Amino acid sequence: MNYRLKKVAVLGSGVMGSGIACHLANVGMEVMMLDIVTPNLEETQSNDKAHRNKLITTALQKTIKSKPAPLYHKSFATRIQTGNFEDDFEKIAEADWIVEVVVENLKIKKQIFEKVDRFRKKGSLVSSNTSSIPINLLAEDCSADFKACFCGTHFFNPARYLRLLEIIPTVETKTEVLDFFMEFGKITLGKQTVLCKDTPAFIGNRIGVMSGTEMTLLTEKYDFRIEEVDALTGSLIGRPNTATFRLQDLVGLDTGDNVSRFVIDNVEGDTYVEQLQNRPESKFMKFLLDNQFLGNKTGKGFYEKTALKDENGKTIINALNLKTLDYEPALRPKMAVVKTAKGMELMNKRLQYLAEGDTKEQQFFAEYFGQLFGYAAARVPEISDQYYPVDDAMRTGYFWDYGPFEYWDLIGFELGIRLIEKVGATIPAWIDEMKSNGNTQFYKFE
């Protein structure tokens, strides 16, 4: 079947819902964005459409004004119409595609999909942007036609800029629906579409939680300041300058904590996650969450932007001391290992240098990459039948220059195995088979 999408209904106007609506408008689609009626209206406002839609129109305007800009051109906002679930839900019958982006609550999502099933036109596509709830649970009470046309379409925030689009089918999703979204996401939306299995947190966030958690654990183990770890784990190894702790501030510590807790609570048969289940919550994470120091959105997280200026007129940034839980002026770390590594232009030589040696920085990297390689390899075929979608997901969803297996190629196959063995992780059978067959690269470059 050749699906032609002209009209789309976006259900939910939060940061992701509004961002997705804007990007669909970017590619020329007519968008109807719906959300709940504005709560706590006065009696004189309850029948006024402008007041009833105030929640959603305010959310959309806030997104349109945000930076980086979600729209290619501000005039594209005219392609987005707004409404509410009580007055306008039947309009989804005009939509060729309905994408759900409401709160991460199974009961609420199922109620929405039950209503979608009543009003949608037969054959229209339906998807969920959930980042955590199993896709198969969302449609279990819906009609056969709904189930055949339903899958997960997980965008990453901001929807215009992050290229990863995870496509997650259920056993009842029609093959042509899956094939369409894989192609539509790539050609029309400009995304790197990655086919995922219906496993907790799918691919990007599953590997992302492990990576971020390991960085944090190693920070404590090797007694680093957060500024030092951010200097080690940013552009030095082909990662964004937000590195580790600035990234957590950017994402929001509450958001990151919710995703991590979901993975820890719902993943089974994962040795690394099982070890996390038995670890007490870190003192500094409890401090930050209890005090609602959630990162950039609250003005304070691992870093704090002050109103003070230094002698050069630059804003003074404080950093959290993980031991004392006090904020102190952020330092500019001076580490000999970093200086030496920066002098190595070839990334493979740089990574090999960083992963071998006796300094605590090199021990940090040896453990990190050992855990990353072992974990990513063990997740095949659990989260993906092939290893390359894992690399695609991390490059396009997390802005890594290299995915786990690309890092492994750069460091070297044999050294990667030794690093895995050094941290006590199990080497999967398919890696042993590669080795026995004499294959020492995941990718071959002409």
Protein backbone atom coordinates (compact mmCIF):
# COMPACT_ATOMS: atom_id res chain seq x y z
CA MET A 1 0.00 0.00 0.00
CA ASN A 2 1.26 3.49 -0.87
CA TYR A 3 0.50 5.75 2.08
CA ARG A 4 0.15 9.46 1.29
CA LEU A 5 0.29 11.60 4.40
CA LYS A 6 -1.14 15.11 4.08
CA LYS A 7 -2.92 15.61 7.39
CA VAL A 8 -1.63 14.55 10.79
CA ALA A 9 -3.12 14.77 14.27
CA VAL A 10 -0.66 15.25 17.14
CA LEU A 11 -2.15 14.34 20.52
CA GLY A 12 -0.29 16.21 23.24
CA SER A 13 1.24 19.70 23.34
CA GLY A 14 4.16 19.30 25.72
CA VAL A 15 7.76 19.92 24.69
CA MET A 16 7.83 16.80 22.51
CA GLY A 17 4.30 17.14 21.14
CA SER A 18 4.78 20.75 20.10
CA GLY A 19 8.24 19.99 18.72
CA ILE A 20 6.96 17.10 16.62
CA ALA A 21 4.03 19.22 15.38
CA CYS A 22 6.46 21.93 14.28
CA HIS A 23 8.71 19.50 12.43
CA LEU A 24 5.76 17.91 10.63
CA ALA A 25 4.69 21.42 9.60
CA ASN A 26 8.26 21.95 8.37
CA VAL A 27 7.82 19.20 5.78
CA GLY A 28 4.52 20.61 4.53
CA MET A 29 1.95 18.64 6.50
CA GLU A 30 -1.34 20.05 7.81
CA VAL A 31 -1.21 19.53 11.57
CA MET A 32 -4.04 19.37 14.09
CA MET A 33 -2.59 19.43 17.61
CA LEU A 34 -4.94 18.53 20.46
CA ASP A 35 -4.60 18.47 24.23
CA ILE A 36 -6.75 18.68 27.34
CA VAL A 37 -9.06 21.61 28.01
CA THR A 38 -7.32 24.32 30.04
CA PRO A 39 -7.85 23.29 33.68
CA ASN A 40 -9.49 25.38 36.42
CA LEU A 41 -11.45 27.69 34.13
CA GLU A 42 -13.84 30.13 35.70
CA GLU A 43 -17.52 29.60 34.91
CA THR A 44 -17.55 32.61 32.58
CA GLN A 45 -14.63 31.12 30.61
CA SER A 46 -15.80 27.51 30.40
CA ASN A 47 -17.65 27.95 27.10
CA ASP A 48 -15.13 30.27 25.47
CA LYS A 49 -13.03 28.41 22.90
CA ALA A 50 -10.01 30.67 23.31
CA HIS A 51 -9.90 30.01 27.04
CA ARG A 52 -10.58 26.28 26.60
CA ASN A 53 -7.60 26.06 24.21
CA LYS A 54 -5.32 28.41 26.15
CA LEU A 55 -3.14 25.59 27.53
CA ILE A 56 -2.32 24.22 24.09
CA THR A 57 -1.93 27.58 22.31
CA THR A 58 0.41 28.80 25.06
CA ALA A 59 2.47 25.61 24.80
CA LEU A 60 2.75 25.95 21.02
CA GLN A 61 3.75 29.62 21.16
CA LYS A 62 6.39 28.87 23.80
CA THR A 63 7.86 26.17 21.58
CA ILE A 64 7.84 28.36 18.47
CA LYS A 65 9.78 31.06 20.35
CA SER A 66 12.28 28.60 21.80
CA LYS A 67 15.89 28.19 20.67
CA PRO A 68 17.07 26.46 18.61
CA ALA A 69 14.09 27.33 16.40
CA PRO A 70 11.75 24.35 15.80
CA LEU A 71 10.40 25.76 12.51
CA TYR A 72 12.29 26.27 9.26
CA HIS A 73 10.35 29.56 8.94
CA LYS A 74 7.95 31.21 11.39
CA SER A 75 5.26 31.36 8.71
CA PHE A 76 5.01 27.57 8.83
CA ALA A 77 3.18 27.95 12.14
CA THR A 78 0.04 28.61 10.09
CA ARG A 79 0.10 24.94 9.14
CA ILE A 80 -0.65 24.01 12.76
CA GLN A 81 -4.22 24.23 14.07
CA THR A 82 -5.00 23.67 17.75
CA GLY A 83 -7.94 22.20 19.60
CA ASN A 84 -8.85 20.17 22.66
CA PHE A 85 -9.79 16.59 23.41
CA GLU A 86 -13.39 17.45 24.37
CA ASP A 87 -14.45 19.75 21.53
CA ASP A 88 -12.31 18.63 18.60
CA PHE A 89 -11.40 14.98 18.96
CA GLU A 90 -13.67 13.84 16.12
CA LYS A 91 -11.47 15.87 13.73
CA ILE A 92 -8.88 13.09 13.85
CA ALA A 93 -11.13 11.33 11.32
CA GLU A 94 -9.57 13.66 8.73
CA ALA A 95 -6.02 12.62 9.64
CA ASP A 96 -3.88 10.23 7.63
CA TRP A 97 -1.62 9.75 10.65
CA ILE A 98 -2.32 10.15 14.36
CA VAL A 99 0.71 10.39 16.65
CA GLU A 100 0.25 10.24 20.42
CA VAL A 101 2.58 12.29 22.62
CA VAL A 102 0.74 12.51 25.96
CA VAL A 103 2.11 11.92 29.46
CA GLU A 104 4.05 8.67 30.08
CA ASN A 105 1.19 6.90 31.82
CA LEU A 106 -0.12 3.59 30.48
CA LYS A 107 -3.68 4.09 31.72
CA ILE A 108 -3.97 7.56 30.16
CA LYS A 109 -2.44 6.45 26.87
CA LYS A 110 -4.78 3.48 26.61
CA GLN A 111 -7.77 5.75 27.23
CA ILE A 112 -6.57 8.03 24.43
CA PHE A 113 -6.09 5.11 22.02
CA GLU A 114 -9.53 3.70 22.83
CA LYS A 115 -10.96 7.05 21.76
CA VAL A 116 -8.71 7.20 18.69
CA ASP A 117 -9.97 3.78 17.65
CA ARG A 118 -13.57 5.10 17.72
CA PHE A 119 -12.95 8.22 15.63
CA ARG A 120 -10.09 7.42 13.22
CA LYS A 121 -10.77 6.49 9.63
CA LYS A 122 -10.02 2.91 8.70
CA GLY A 123 -6.52 2.44 7.38
CA SER A 124 -5.10 5.61 8.93
CA LEU A 125 -1.72 5.21 10.60
CA VAL A 126 -1.39 5.50 14.37
CA SER A 127 1.80 5.70 16.43
CA SER A 128 3.08 6.51 19.90
CA ASN A 129 6.10 8.60 20.85
CA THR A 130 6.49 6.77 24.16
CA SER A 131 10.07 6.44 25.31
CA SER A 132 9.44 3.74 27.88
CA ILE A 133 6.06 1.96 27.85
CA PRO A 134 6.02 -1.32 25.85
CA ILE A 135 4.33 -0.67 22.51
CA ASN A 136 2.39 -3.93 22.59
CA LEU A 137 0.57 -2.87 25.76
CA LEU A 138 -0.75 0.35 24.28
CA ALA A 139 -2.94 -1.19 21.58
CA GLU A 140 -3.94 -4.45 23.24
CA ASP A 141 -7.61 -3.39 23.64
CA CYS A 142 -7.99 -1.87 20.17
CA SER A 143 -9.47 -3.18 16.94
CA ALA A 144 -7.66 -5.41 14.47
CA ASP A 145 -7.37 -2.59 11.91
CA PHE A 146 -5.92 -0.27 14.56
CA LYS A 147 -3.33 -2.86 15.61
CA ALA A 148 -2.31 -3.53 12.01
CA CYS A 149 -1.69 0.19 11.44
CA PHE A 150 0.01 0.90 14.79
CA CYS A 151 3.66 1.13 15.87
CA GLY A 152 6.03 3.25 17.92
CA THR A 153 7.66 6.33 16.39
CA HIS A 154 10.06 7.61 19.04
CA PHE A 155 11.48 11.05 18.23
CA PHE A 156 14.33 12.57 20.23
CA ASN A 157 14.25 16.12 21.57
CA PRO A 158 14.52 18.59 19.88
CA ALA A 159 12.54 16.87 17.14
CA ARG A 160 13.79 19.10 14.32
CA TYR A 161 17.48 18.67 15.11
CA LEU A 162 18.11 15.21 16.55
CA ARG A 163 18.18 12.79 13.65
CA LEU A 164 17.25 9.57 15.44
CA LEU A 165 13.75 8.21 14.86
CA GLU A 166 13.19 4.81 16.46
CA ILE A 167 10.53 2.68 14.77
CA ILE A 168 9.08 0.00 17.03
CA PRO A 169 6.58 -2.53 15.62
CA THR A 170 4.34 -4.94 17.47
CA VAL A 171 3.77 -8.49 16.22
CA GLU A 172 0.55 -7.25 14.60
CA THR A 173 1.99 -4.24 12.77
CA LYS A 174 1.65 -4.72 9.01
CA THR A 175 4.95 -5.00 7.18
CA GLU A 176 3.96 -2.27 4.74
CA VAL A 177 3.32 0.13 7.66
CA LEU A 178 6.75 -0.58 9.07
CA ASP A 179 8.43 -0.22 5.68
CA PHE A 180 6.59 3.05 5.08
CA PHE A 181 7.68 4.67 8.35
CA MET A 182 11.28 3.57 7.84
CA GLU A 183 11.34 5.23 4.41
CA PHE A 184 9.12 8.22 5.28
CA GLY A 185 11.24 9.05 8.32
CA LYS A 186 14.42 8.96 6.26
CA ILE A 187 13.30 10.68 3.05
CA THR A 188 10.61 13.12 4.20
CA LEU A 189 11.53 13.85 7.82
CA GLY A 190 15.29 13.74 7.29
CA LYS A 191 15.85 11.23 10.07
CA GLN A 192 18.06 8.23 10.66
CA THR A 193 15.35 5.63 11.08
CA VAL A 194 16.35 2.70 13.27
CA LEU A 195 14.28 -0.43 13.60
CA CYS A 196 13.98 -1.39 17.27
CA LYS A 197 12.58 -4.28 19.20
CA ASP A 198 9.88 -3.65 21.79
CA THR A 199 12.28 -3.77 24.73
CA PRO A 200 12.54 -1.28 27.65
CA ALA A 201 13.88 2.12 26.47
CA PHE A 202 14.41 0.61 22.98
CA ILE A 203 17.98 1.19 21.71
CA GLY A 204 19.12 4.80 22.23
CA ASN A 205 18.06 5.27 25.84
CA ARG A 206 18.99 1.71 26.84
CA ILE A 207 22.62 2.23 25.83
CA GLY A 208 22.48 5.87 26.91
CA VAL A 209 21.41 4.98 30.47
CA MET A 210 24.24 2.48 30.77
CA SER A 211 26.81 4.94 29.43
CA GLY A 212 25.74 7.84 31.64
CA THR A 213 25.48 5.64 34.70
CA GLU A 214 28.95 4.19 34.17
CA MET A 215 30.47 7.66 33.73
CA THR A 216 28.91 8.73 37.02
CA LEU A 217 30.06 5.62 38.90
CA LEU A 218 33.61 6.03 37.61
CA THR A 219 33.60 9.69 38.61
CA GLU A 220 33.05 8.60 42.21
CA LYS A 221 35.44 5.66 42.01
CA TYR A 222 38.37 7.70 40.73
CA ASP A 223 37.55 10.78 42.80
CA PHE A 224 37.19 13.19 39.88
CA ARG A 225 35.53 16.57 39.97
CA ILE A 226 32.65 16.95 37.54
CA GLU A 227 34.61 19.55 35.53
CA GLU A 228 37.39 16.99 35.06
CA VAL A 229 35.03 14.32 33.77
CA ASP A 230 33.41 16.78 31.40
CA ALA A 231 36.87 17.66 30.07
CA LEU A 232 37.58 13.94 29.55
CA THR A 233 34.28 12.87 28.01
CA GLY A 234 33.44 15.59 25.49
CA SER A 235 35.15 16.43 22.21
CA LEU A 236 38.30 14.63 23.39
CA ILE A 237 36.60 11.31 22.59
CA GLY A 238 34.19 12.46 19.89
CA ARG A 239 31.25 13.44 22.08
CA PRO A 240 29.34 16.76 22.36
CA ASN A 241 30.89 19.47 24.53
CA THR A 242 28.06 18.91 27.02
CA ALA A 243 29.99 15.71 27.83
CA THR A 244 28.57 13.98 30.93
CA PHE A 245 27.35 16.32 33.66
CA ARG A 246 26.53 19.31 31.46
CA LEU A 247 24.44 16.89 29.38
CA GLN A 248 22.50 15.80 32.46
CA ASP A 249 21.81 19.45 33.29
CA LEU A 250 20.66 20.04 29.72
CA VAL A 251 18.31 17.04 29.62
CA GLY A 252 16.99 17.66 33.12
CA LEU A 253 18.00 15.57 36.11
CA ASP A 254 14.40 14.55 36.77
CA THR A 255 13.96 13.38 33.17
CA GLY A 256 17.22 11.43 33.25
CA ASP A 257 16.33 9.92 36.62
CA ASN A 258 12.89 8.81 35.35
CA VAL A 259 14.38 7.07 32.31
CA SER A 260 17.10 5.41 34.41
CA ARG A 261 14.61 4.22 37.01
CA PHE A 262 12.36 2.82 34.28
CA VAL A 263 15.24 0.82 32.83
CA ILE A 264 16.33 -0.43 36.26
CA ASP A 265 12.78 -1.40 37.23
CA ASN A 266 11.76 -3.08 33.97
CA VAL A 267 14.79 -4.71 32.38
CA GLU A 268 15.26 -8.43 33.03
CA GLY A 269 18.19 -10.71 32.33
CA ASP A 270 20.68 -7.84 32.21
CA THR A 271 23.64 -8.38 34.54
CA TYR A 272 24.74 -4.75 34.49
CA VAL A 273 21.27 -3.46 35.36
CA GLU A 274 20.83 -6.12 38.05
CA GLN A 275 23.93 -4.77 39.77
CA LEU A 276 22.43 -1.26 39.68
CA GLN A 277 19.26 -2.56 41.35
CA ASN A 278 21.28 -3.42 44.43
CA ARG A 279 23.18 -0.12 44.65
CA PRO A 280 21.97 2.61 47.01
CA GLU A 281 21.11 5.99 45.47
CA SER A 282 24.13 8.26 45.34
CA LYS A 283 24.28 10.99 47.96
CA PHE A 284 24.66 13.78 45.41
CA MET A 285 21.79 12.61 43.17
CA LYS A 286 19.49 12.47 46.18
CA PHE A 287 20.62 15.98 47.17
CA LEU A 288 19.93 17.39 43.71
CA LEU A 289 16.55 15.72 43.23
CA ASP A 290 15.31 16.40 46.77
CA ASN A 291 16.12 20.10 46.35
CA GLN A 292 14.68 20.29 42.83
CA PHE A 293 18.07 21.30 41.45
CA LEU A 294 17.17 19.81 38.08
CA GLY A 295 19.67 21.46 35.75
CA ASN A 296 19.29 24.24 33.22
CA LYS A 297 15.52 24.51 33.58
CA THR A 298 15.84 25.38 37.28
CA GLY A 299 19.10 27.32 36.97
CA LYS A 300 20.98 24.88 39.14
CA GLY A 301 22.02 21.25 38.81
CA PHE A 302 25.54 19.90 38.61
CA TYR A 303 26.41 23.42 37.54
CA GLU A 304 25.02 26.74 38.74
CA LYS A 305 24.92 29.89 36.62
CA THR A 306 25.38 32.86 38.94
CA ALA A 307 24.60 36.55 38.50
CA LEU A 308 28.23 37.41 39.23
CA LYS A 309 30.93 38.37 36.71
CA ASP A 310 34.65 37.69 36.84
CA GLU A 311 37.36 40.27 36.15
CA ASN A 312 36.93 39.70 32.40
CA GLY A 313 33.18 40.29 32.54
CA LYS A 314 32.28 36.64 32.05
CA THR A 315 29.48 35.02 34.04
CA ILE A 316 30.79 32.98 36.97
CA ILE A 317 29.70 29.35 36.81
CA ASN A 318 29.77 27.21 39.95
CA ALA A 319 30.14 23.45 40.01
CA LEU A 320 28.83 21.00 42.60
CA ASN A 321 31.45 19.43 44.83
CA LEU A 322 30.22 15.83 44.95
CA LYS A 323 31.72 15.25 48.39
CA THR A 324 30.67 18.36 50.30
CA LEU A 325 27.54 19.09 48.20
CA ASP A 326 28.59 22.73 48.10
CA TYR A 327 28.77 24.84 44.95
CA GLU A 328 32.24 26.13 44.19
CA PRO A 329 33.65 28.21 41.30
CA ALA A 330 34.10 25.84 38.37
CA LEU A 331 37.69 24.99 37.58
CA ARG A 332 39.39 24.67 34.22
CA PRO A 333 41.04 21.27 34.61
CA LYS A 334 44.67 20.86 33.62
CA MET A 335 45.42 17.19 33.01
CA ALA A 336 48.60 16.00 31.32
CA VAL A 337 46.77 13.02 29.80
CA VAL A 338 44.26 15.32 28.12
CA LYS A 339 47.00 17.56 26.73
CA THR A 340 48.87 14.57 25.29
CA ALA A 341 45.70 13.04 23.82
CA LYS A 342 44.68 16.30 22.16
CA GLY A 343 48.01 16.31 20.39
CA MET A 344 47.07 13.05 18.64
CA GLU A 345 45.06 13.92 15.54
CA LEU A 346 44.13 10.32 14.67
CA MET A 347 41.21 9.25 16.86
CA ASN A 348 42.26 5.59 16.90
CA LYS A 349 45.68 6.49 18.32
CA ARG A 350 44.09 8.88 20.80
CA LEU A 351 41.59 6.31 22.09
CA GLN A 352 44.21 3.58 22.32
CA TYR A 353 46.39 5.91 24.35
CA LEU A 354 43.49 6.84 26.64
CA ALA A 355 42.47 3.21 27.23
CA GLU A 356 45.97 1.95 28.10
CA GLY A 357 48.16 3.21 30.88
CA ASP A 358 48.41 3.61 34.62
CA THR A 359 47.07 7.12 35.25
CA LYS A 360 43.65 7.36 36.81
CA GLU A 361 42.36 9.04 33.65
CA GLN A 362 43.46 6.05 31.57
CA GLN A 363 42.04 3.60 34.11
CA PHE A 364 38.77 5.55 33.93
CA PHE A 365 38.63 5.08 30.15
CA ALA A 366 39.73 1.45 30.27
CA GLU A 367 36.83 0.61 32.58
CA TYR A 368 34.33 2.77 30.70
CA PHE A 369 35.07 1.32 27.28
CA GLY A 370 35.28 -2.20 28.68
CA GLN A 371 31.79 -1.84 30.14
CA LEU A 372 30.43 -0.10 27.03
CA PHE A 373 31.73 -2.76 24.62
CA GLY A 374 30.61 -5.64 26.81
CA TYR A 375 27.18 -4.14 27.37
CA ALA A 376 26.50 -3.19 23.76
CA ALA A 377 27.63 -6.59 22.49
CA ALA A 378 25.46 -8.38 25.06
CA ARG A 379 22.38 -6.44 23.90
CA VAL A 380 22.56 -8.05 20.44
CA PRO A 381 20.16 -9.61 19.54
CA GLU A 382 18.03 -8.53 22.55
CA ILE A 383 17.42 -4.93 21.48
CA SER A 384 18.49 -5.24 17.83
CA ASP A 385 19.17 -8.19 15.55
CA GLN A 386 22.25 -6.44 14.19
CA TYR A 387 24.95 -4.32 15.81
CA TYR A 388 25.00 -1.42 13.34
CA PRO A 389 21.55 -0.02 14.37
CA VAL A 390 23.04 0.41 17.86
CA ASP A 391 25.75 2.63 16.40
CA ASP A 392 23.20 4.50 14.27
CA ALA A 393 21.07 5.18 17.35
CA MET A 394 23.91 6.55 19.47
CA ARG A 395 25.32 8.75 16.73
CA THR A 396 22.01 10.31 15.77
CA GLY A 397 20.20 10.27 19.12
CA TYR A 398 23.08 11.28 21.39
CA PHE A 399 25.36 13.13 18.94
CA TRP A 400 28.25 10.74 19.47
CA ASP A 401 30.74 10.81 16.60
CA TYR A 402 31.02 7.04 16.91
CA GLY A 403 28.72 4.29 18.11
CA PRO A 404 29.95 1.57 20.54
CA PHE A 405 31.14 -0.80 17.82
CA GLU A 406 32.78 2.01 15.86
CA TYR A 407 34.67 2.94 19.04
CA TRP A 408 35.66 -0.71 19.33
CA ASP A 409 37.08 -0.68 15.79
CA LEU A 410 39.06 2.45 16.60
CA ILE A 411 40.49 1.05 19.84
CA GLY A 412 41.17 -2.30 18.22
CA PHE A 413 39.36 -5.63 18.41
CA GLU A 414 41.85 -7.44 20.65
CA LEU A 415 42.29 -4.49 23.03
CA GLY A 416 38.50 -4.20 23.22
CA ILE A 417 38.24 -7.83 24.29
CA ARG A 418 40.93 -7.34 26.92
CA LEU A 419 39.06 -4.31 28.29
CA ILE A 420 35.84 -6.34 28.55
CA GLU A 421 37.69 -9.12 30.37
CA LYS A 422 39.37 -6.59 32.66
CA VAL A 423 36.00 -5.34 34.00
CA GLY A 424 34.73 -8.89 34.41
CA ALA A 425 31.99 -8.68 31.78
CA THR A 426 31.01 -11.70 29.69
CA ILE A 427 32.04 -11.82 26.06
CA PRO A 428 29.00 -12.89 23.99
CA ALA A 429 29.18 -15.96 21.77
CA TRP A 430 28.85 -13.93 18.57
CA ILE A 431 32.00 -11.97 19.45
CA ASP A 432 33.86 -15.24 20.13
CA GLU A 433 32.65 -16.48 16.76
CA MET A 434 33.97 -13.34 15.07
CA LYS A 435 37.35 -13.92 16.67
CA SER A 436 37.48 -17.62 15.75
CA ASN A 437 36.65 -16.72 12.13
CA GLY A 438 39.50 -14.25 12.02
CA ASN A 439 37.22 -11.19 11.79
CA THR A 440 38.78 -8.31 13.70
CA GLN A 441 36.64 -5.42 12.45
CA PHE A 442 32.95 -4.60 12.66
CA TYR A 443 33.20 -2.30 9.63
CA LYS A 444 35.40 -2.46 6.57
CA PHE A 445 36.38 0.76 4.85
CA GLU A 446 37.50 0.84 1.24
